């Protein structure tokens, strides 16, 4: 599975590590993804999603439907 948030679409960034001698090597920054079980009231079941921590906070605050509309 890819490292992409199911709600916000966040994914990894690429760039360079730059040493004191200005040597450049490739690096990646991955988003903080968590597996989260969410109860869907309409379907009366749990769904497991890969969410960024920002998406988890948004769902807790506004609810799943409002977060998906955004």
PDB file of N, CA and C in Angstrom:
ATOM      1  N   UNK A   1       0.830  -1.193   0.000  1.00  0.00           N
ATOM      2  CA  UNK A   1       0.000   0.000   0.000  1.00  0.00           C
ATOM      3  C   UNK A   1       0.869   1.249   0.000  1.00  0.00           C
ATOM      4  N   UNK A   2       0.398   2.275  -0.665  1.00  0.00           N
ATOM      5  CA  UNK A   2       1.173   3.502  -0.736  1.00  0.00           C
ATOM      6  C   UNK A   2       1.002   4.318   0.537  1.00  0.00           C
ATOM      7  N   UNK A   3       1.914   5.230   0.756  1.00  0.00           N
ATOM      8  CA  UNK A   3       1.881   6.070   1.949  1.00  0.00           C
ATOM      9  C   UNK A   3       1.173   7.375   1.621  1.00  0.00           C
ATOM     10  N   UNK A   4      -0.169   7.277   1.440  1.00  0.00           N
ATOM     11  CA  UNK A   4      -0.996   8.424   1.096  1.00  0.00           C
ATOM     12  C   UNK A   4      -2.204   8.419   2.020  1.00  0.00           C
ATOM     13  N   UNK A   5      -2.564   9.597   2.542  1.00  0.00           N
ATOM     14  CA  UNK A   5      -3.725   9.731   3.418  1.00  0.00           C
ATOM     15  C   UNK A   5      -5.004   9.561   2.607  1.00  0.00           C
ATOM     16  N   UNK A   6      -5.969   8.798   3.129  1.00  0.00           N
ATOM     17  CA  UNK A   6      -7.211   8.537   2.422  1.00  0.00           C
ATOM     18  C   UNK A   6      -8.114   9.762   2.348  1.00  0.00           C
ATOM     19  N   UNK A   7      -8.011  10.672   3.294  1.00  0.00           N
ATOM     20  CA  UNK A   7      -8.907  11.834   3.344  1.00  0.00           C
ATOM     21  C   UNK A   7      -8.259  13.068   2.742  1.00  0.00           C
ATOM     22  N   UNK A   8      -7.071  13.422   3.205  1.00  0.00           N
ATOM     23  CA  UNK A   8      -6.445  14.667   2.766  1.00  0.00           C
ATOM     24  C   UNK A   8      -5.594  14.507   1.513  1.00  0.00           C
ATOM     25  N   UNK A   9      -5.163  13.291   1.203  1.00  0.00           N
ATOM     26  CA  UNK A   9      -4.330  13.066   0.030  1.00  0.00           C
ATOM     27  C   UNK A   9      -2.865  13.402   0.243  1.00  0.00           C
ATOM     28  N   UNK A  10      -2.465  13.599   1.503  1.00  0.00           N
ATOM     29  CA  UNK A  10      -1.064  13.904   1.774  1.00  0.00           C
ATOM     30  C   UNK A  10      -0.182  12.731   1.370  1.00  0.00           C
ATOM     31  N   UNK A  11       0.990  13.050   0.790  1.00  0.00           N
ATOM     32  CA  UNK A  11       1.956  12.017   0.439  1.00  0.00           C
ATOM     33  C   UNK A  11       3.356  12.538   0.699  1.00  0.00           C
ATOM     34  N   UNK A  12       4.339  11.693   0.497  1.00  0.00           N
ATOM     35  CA  UNK A  12       5.710  12.031   0.839  1.00  0.00           C
ATOM     36  C   UNK A  12       6.323  13.108  -0.040  1.00  0.00           C
ATOM     37  N   UNK A  13       7.337  13.770   0.508  1.00  0.00           N
ATOM     38  CA  UNK A  13       8.113  14.769  -0.213  1.00  0.00           C
ATOM     39  C   UNK A  13       9.519  14.229  -0.437  1.00  0.00           C
ATOM     40  N   UNK A  14      10.165  14.692  -1.501  1.00  0.00           N
ATOM     41  CA  UNK A  14      11.550  14.313  -1.743  1.00  0.00           C
ATOM     42  C   UNK A  14      12.404  15.567  -1.759  1.00  0.00           C
ATOM     43  N   UNK A  15      13.658  15.379  -1.413  1.00  0.00           N
ATOM     44  CA  UNK A  15      14.582  16.498  -1.399  1.00  0.00           C
ATOM     45  C   UNK A  15      15.993  16.001  -1.218  1.00  0.00           C
ATOM     46  N   UNK A  16      16.849  16.876  -0.724  1.00  0.00           N
ATOM     47  CA  UNK A  16      18.248  16.542  -0.537  1.00  0.00           C
ATOM     48  C   UNK A  16      18.675  16.788   0.902  1.00  0.00           C
ATOM     49  N   UNK A  17      19.534  15.873   1.417  1.00  0.00           N
ATOM     50  CA  UNK A  17      20.312  16.177   2.610  1.00  0.00           C
ATOM     51  C   UNK A  17      21.540  16.936   2.117  1.00  0.00           C
ATOM     52  N   UNK A  18      21.854  18.049   2.739  1.00  0.00           N
ATOM     53  CA  UNK A  18      23.011  18.824   2.321  1.00  0.00           C
ATOM     54  C   UNK A  18      24.001  18.846   3.477  1.00  0.00           C
ATOM     55  N   UNK A  19      25.186  18.296   3.258  1.00  0.00           N
ATOM     56  CA  UNK A  19      26.205  18.231   4.297  1.00  0.00           C
ATOM     57  C   UNK A  19      26.943  19.564   4.394  1.00  0.00           C
ATOM     58  N   UNK A  20      27.807  19.670   5.393  1.00  0.00           N
ATOM     59  CA  UNK A  20      28.610  20.877   5.574  1.00  0.00           C
ATOM     60  C   UNK A  20      29.513  21.112   4.367  1.00  0.00           C
ATOM     61  N   UNK A  21      29.938  20.023   3.718  1.00  0.00           N
ATOM     62  CA  UNK A  21      30.788  20.123   2.526  1.00  0.00           C
ATOM     63  C   UNK A  21      29.955  20.304   1.249  1.00  0.00           C
ATOM     64  N   UNK A  22      28.636  20.516   1.425  1.00  0.00           N
ATOM     65  CA  UNK A  22      27.694  20.760   0.330  1.00  0.00           C
ATOM     66  C   UNK A  22      27.490  19.534  -0.560  1.00  0.00           C
ATOM     67  N   UNK A  23      27.747  18.318   0.006  1.00  0.00           N
ATOM     68  CA  UNK A  23      27.410  17.086  -0.706  1.00  0.00           C
ATOM     69  C   UNK A  23      25.905  16.874  -0.581  1.00  0.00           C
ATOM     70  N   UNK A  24      25.278  16.450  -1.660  1.00  0.00           N
ATOM     71  CA  UNK A  24      23.827  16.279  -1.644  1.00  0.00           C
ATOM     72  C   UNK A  24      23.472  14.803  -1.845  1.00  0.00           C
ATOM     73  N   UNK A  25      22.627  14.289  -0.975  1.00  0.00           N
ATOM     74  CA  UNK A  25      22.113  12.935  -1.101  1.00  0.00           C
ATOM     75  C   UNK A  25      20.597  12.997  -0.995  1.00  0.00           C
ATOM     76  N   UNK A  26      19.928  12.107  -1.709  1.00  0.00           N
ATOM     77  CA  UNK A  26      18.468  12.104  -1.729  1.00  0.00           C
ATOM     78  C   UNK A  26      17.907  11.679  -0.379  1.00  0.00           C
ATOM     79  N   UNK A  27      16.764  12.251  -0.025  1.00  0.00           N
ATOM     80  CA  UNK A  27      16.061  11.866   1.188  1.00  0.00           C
ATOM     81  C   UNK A  27      14.572  11.975   0.949  1.00  0.00           C
ATOM     82  N   UNK A  28      13.785  11.345   1.804  1.00  0.00           N
ATOM     83  CA  UNK A  28      12.331  11.421   1.725  1.00  0.00           C
ATOM     84  C   UNK A  28      11.776  11.852   3.073  1.00  0.00           C
ATOM     85  N   UNK A  29      10.706  12.604   3.029  1.00  0.00           N
ATOM     86  CA  UNK A  29       9.940  12.943   4.230  1.00  0.00           C
ATOM     87  C   UNK A  29       8.564  12.334   4.052  1.00  0.00           C
ATOM     88  N   UNK A  30       8.206  11.386   4.913  1.00  0.00           N
ATOM     89  CA  UNK A  30       6.924  10.710   4.808  1.00  0.00           C
ATOM     90  C   UNK A  30       5.918  11.339   5.768  1.00  0.00           C
ATOM     91  N   UNK A  31       4.627  11.356   5.412  1.00  0.00           N
ATOM     92  CA  UNK A  31       3.610  11.888   6.322  1.00  0.00           C
ATOM     93  C   UNK A  31       3.405  10.944   7.505  1.00  0.00           C
ATOM     94  N   UNK A  32       2.885  11.491   8.584  1.00  0.00           N
ATOM     95  CA  UNK A  32       2.616  10.711   9.792  1.00  0.00           C
ATOM     96  C   UNK A  32       1.272  10.013   9.623  1.00  0.00           C
ATOM     97  N   UNK A  33       1.285   8.798   9.061  1.00  0.00           N
ATOM     98  CA  UNK A  33       0.057   8.061   8.799  1.00  0.00           C
ATOM     99  C   UNK A  33      -0.204   7.032   9.890  1.00  0.00           C
ATOM    100  N   UNK A  34      -1.472   6.887  10.239  1.00  0.00           N
ATOM    101  CA  UNK A  34      -1.918   5.942  11.257  1.00  0.00           C
ATOM    102  C   UNK A  34      -3.078   5.140  10.682  1.00  0.00           C
ATOM    103  N   UNK A  35      -3.181   3.854  11.065  1.00  0.00           N
ATOM    104  CA  UNK A  35      -4.371   3.074  10.730  1.00  0.00           C
ATOM    105  C   UNK A  35      -5.432   3.379  11.776  1.00  0.00           C
ATOM    106  N   UNK A  36      -6.642   3.706  11.316  1.00  0.00           N
ATOM    107  CA  UNK A  36      -7.704   4.109  12.232  1.00  0.00           C
ATOM    108  C   UNK A  36      -9.001   3.430  11.822  1.00  0.00           C
ATOM    109  N   UNK A  37      -9.678   2.810  12.785  1.00  0.00           N
ATOM    110  CA  UNK A  37     -10.997   2.218  12.552  1.00  0.00           C
ATOM    111  C   UNK A  37     -12.039   3.288  12.833  1.00  0.00           C
ATOM    112  N   UNK A  38     -12.905   3.539  11.862  1.00  0.00           N
ATOM    113  CA  UNK A  38     -13.925   4.569  12.000  1.00  0.00           C
ATOM    114  C   UNK A  38     -15.291   3.926  11.811  1.00  0.00           C
ATOM    115  N   UNK A  39     -16.235   4.255  12.703  1.00  0.00           N
ATOM    116  CA  UNK A  39     -17.594   3.742  12.638  1.00  0.00           C
ATOM    117  C   UNK A  39     -18.391   4.566  11.641  1.00  0.00           C
ATOM    118  N   UNK A  40     -18.998   3.909  10.654  1.00  0.00           N
ATOM    119  CA  UNK A  40     -19.866   4.575   9.695  1.00  0.00           C
ATOM    120  C   UNK A  40     -21.296   4.258  10.090  1.00  0.00           C
ATOM    121  N   UNK A  41     -22.003   5.293  10.535  1.00  0.00           N
ATOM    122  CA  UNK A  41     -23.356   5.117  11.081  1.00  0.00           C
ATOM    123  C   UNK A  41     -24.337   4.654  10.003  1.00  0.00           C
ATOM    124  N   UNK A  42     -24.214   5.169   8.778  1.00  0.00           N
ATOM    125  CA  UNK A  42     -25.155   4.814   7.706  1.00  0.00           C
ATOM    126  C   UNK A  42     -25.104   3.332   7.379  1.00  0.00           C
ATOM    127  N   UNK A  43     -23.906   2.760   7.348  1.00  0.00           N
ATOM    128  CA  UNK A  43     -23.734   1.359   6.983  1.00  0.00           C
ATOM    129  C   UNK A  43     -23.667   0.425   8.187  1.00  0.00           C
ATOM    130  N   UNK A  44     -23.610   0.997   9.397  1.00  0.00           N
ATOM    131  CA  UNK A  44     -23.553   0.216  10.642  1.00  0.00           C
ATOM    132  C   UNK A  44     -22.358  -0.732  10.667  1.00  0.00           C
ATOM    133  N   UNK A  45     -21.170  -0.206  10.298  1.00  0.00           N
ATOM    134  CA  UNK A  45     -19.973  -1.033  10.315  1.00  0.00           C
ATOM    135  C   UNK A  45     -18.734  -0.151  10.475  1.00  0.00           C
ATOM    136  N   UNK A  46     -17.624  -0.800  10.834  1.00  0.00           N
ATOM    137  CA  UNK A  46     -16.343  -0.117  10.942  1.00  0.00           C
ATOM    138  C   UNK A  46     -15.604  -0.198   9.607  1.00  0.00           C
ATOM    139  N   UNK A  47     -14.813   0.838   9.316  1.00  0.00           N
ATOM    140  CA  UNK A  47     -13.950   0.863   8.152  1.00  0.00           C
ATOM    141  C   UNK A  47     -12.557   1.251   8.629  1.00  0.00           C
ATOM    142  N   UNK A  48     -11.545   0.537   8.169  1.00  0.00           N
ATOM    143  CA  UNK A  48     -10.167   0.852   8.525  1.00  0.00           C
ATOM    144  C   UNK A  48      -9.554   1.697   7.423  1.00  0.00           C
ATOM    145  N   UNK A  49      -9.018   2.871   7.804  1.00  0.00           N
ATOM    146  CA  UNK A  49      -8.426   3.800   6.854  1.00  0.00           C
ATOM    147  C   UNK A  49      -7.025   4.153   7.285  1.00  0.00           C
ATOM    148  N   UNK A  50      -6.182   4.517   6.306  1.00  0.00           N
ATOM    149  CA  UNK A  50      -4.865   5.088   6.593  1.00  0.00           C
ATOM    150  C   UNK A  50      -5.023   6.594   6.577  1.00  0.00           C
ATOM    151  N   UNK A  51      -4.890   7.228   7.739  1.00  0.00           N
ATOM    152  CA  UNK A  51      -5.138   8.658   7.864  1.00  0.00           C
ATOM    153  C   UNK A  51      -3.918   9.370   8.413  1.00  0.00           C
ATOM    154  N   UNK A  52      -3.731  10.608   7.972  1.00  0.00           N
ATOM    155  CA  UNK A  52      -2.714  11.454   8.583  1.00  0.00           C
ATOM    156  C   UNK A  52      -3.269  11.936   9.922  1.00  0.00           C
ATOM    157  N   UNK A  53      -2.386  12.364  10.801  1.00  0.00           N
ATOM    158  CA  UNK A  53      -2.840  12.828  12.109  1.00  0.00           C
ATOM    159  C   UNK A  53      -3.712  14.066  11.973  1.00  0.00           C
ATOM    160  N   UNK A  54      -3.455  14.885  10.973  1.00  0.00           N
ATOM    161  CA  UNK A  54      -4.297  16.057  10.723  1.00  0.00           C
ATOM    162  C   UNK A  54      -5.722  15.630  10.362  1.00  0.00           C
ATOM    163  N   UNK A  55      -5.862  14.585   9.545  1.00  0.00           N
ATOM    164  CA  UNK A  55      -7.173  14.089   9.153  1.00  0.00           C
ATOM    165  C   UNK A  55      -7.916  13.495  10.343  1.00  0.00           C
ATOM    166  N   UNK A  56      -7.204  12.812  11.236  1.00  0.00           N
ATOM    167  CA  UNK A  56      -7.830  12.243  12.425  1.00  0.00           C
ATOM    168  C   UNK A  56      -8.398  13.352  13.300  1.00  0.00           C
ATOM    169  N   UNK A  57      -7.633  14.433  13.485  1.00  0.00           N
ATOM    170  CA  UNK A  57      -8.109  15.567  14.281  1.00  0.00           C
ATOM    171  C   UNK A  57      -9.333  16.211  13.638  1.00  0.00           C
ATOM    172  N   UNK A  58      -9.327  16.346  12.315  1.00  0.00           N
ATOM    173  CA  UNK A  58     -10.451  16.955  11.609  1.00  0.00           C
ATOM    174  C   UNK A  58     -11.702  16.101  11.743  1.00  0.00           C
ATOM    175  N   UNK A  59     -11.565  14.789  11.623  1.00  0.00           N
ATOM    176  CA  UNK A  59     -12.708  13.886  11.749  1.00  0.00           C
ATOM    177  C   UNK A  59     -13.261  13.925  13.167  1.00  0.00           C
ATOM    178  N   UNK A  60     -12.381  13.970  14.166  1.00  0.00           N
ATOM    179  CA  UNK A  60     -12.837  14.047  15.554  1.00  0.00           C
ATOM    180  C   UNK A  60     -13.610  15.339  15.807  1.00  0.00           C
ATOM    181  N   UNK A  61     -13.190  16.424  15.178  1.00  0.00           N
ATOM    182  CA  UNK A  61     -13.801  17.720  15.418  1.00  0.00           C
ATOM    183  C   UNK A  61     -15.091  17.909  14.622  1.00  0.00           C
ATOM    184  N   UNK A  62     -15.077  17.604  13.319  1.00  0.00           N
ATOM    185  CA  UNK A  62     -16.194  17.926  12.438  1.00  0.00           C
ATOM    186  C   UNK A  62     -17.047  16.735  12.054  1.00  0.00           C
ATOM    187  N   UNK A  63     -16.502  15.530  12.174  1.00  0.00           N
ATOM    188  CA  UNK A  63     -17.208  14.334  11.734  1.00  0.00           C
ATOM    189  C   UNK A  63     -16.705  13.881  10.378  1.00  0.00           C
ATOM    190  N   UNK A  64     -16.997  12.635  10.047  1.00  0.00           N
ATOM    191  CA  UNK A  64     -16.472  12.035   8.821  1.00  0.00           C
ATOM    192  C   UNK A  64     -17.057  12.670   7.574  1.00  0.00           C
ATOM    193  N   UNK A  65     -18.358  12.908   7.549  1.00  0.00           N
ATOM    194  CA  UNK A  65     -18.990  13.456   6.343  1.00  0.00           C
ATOM    195  C   UNK A  65     -18.458  14.852   6.020  1.00  0.00           C
ATOM    196  N   UNK A  66     -18.319  15.694   7.027  1.00  0.00           N
ATOM    197  CA  UNK A  66     -17.815  17.044   6.802  1.00  0.00           C
ATOM    198  C   UNK A  66     -16.358  17.020   6.345  1.00  0.00           C
ATOM    199  N   UNK A  67     -15.567  16.097   6.887  1.00  0.00           N
ATOM    200  CA  UNK A  67     -14.163  15.988   6.495  1.00  0.00           C
ATOM    201  C   UNK A  67     -14.040  15.506   5.058  1.00  0.00           C
ATOM    202  N   UNK A  68     -14.906  14.605   4.631  1.00  0.00           N
ATOM    203  CA  UNK A  68     -14.849  14.090   3.261  1.00  0.00           C
ATOM    204  C   UNK A  68     -15.334  15.127   2.251  1.00  0.00           C
ATOM    205  N   UNK A  69     -16.263  16.000   2.646  1.00  0.00           N
ATOM    206  CA  UNK A  69     -16.719  17.055   1.744  1.00  0.00           C
ATOM    207  C   UNK A  69     -15.598  18.008   1.411  1.00  0.00           C
ATOM    208  N   UNK A  70     -14.766  18.296   2.417  1.00  0.00           N
ATOM    209  CA  UNK A  70     -13.635  19.216   2.237  1.00  0.00           C
ATOM    210  C   UNK A  70     -12.648  18.608   1.294  1.00  0.00           C
TER     211      UNK A  70
END
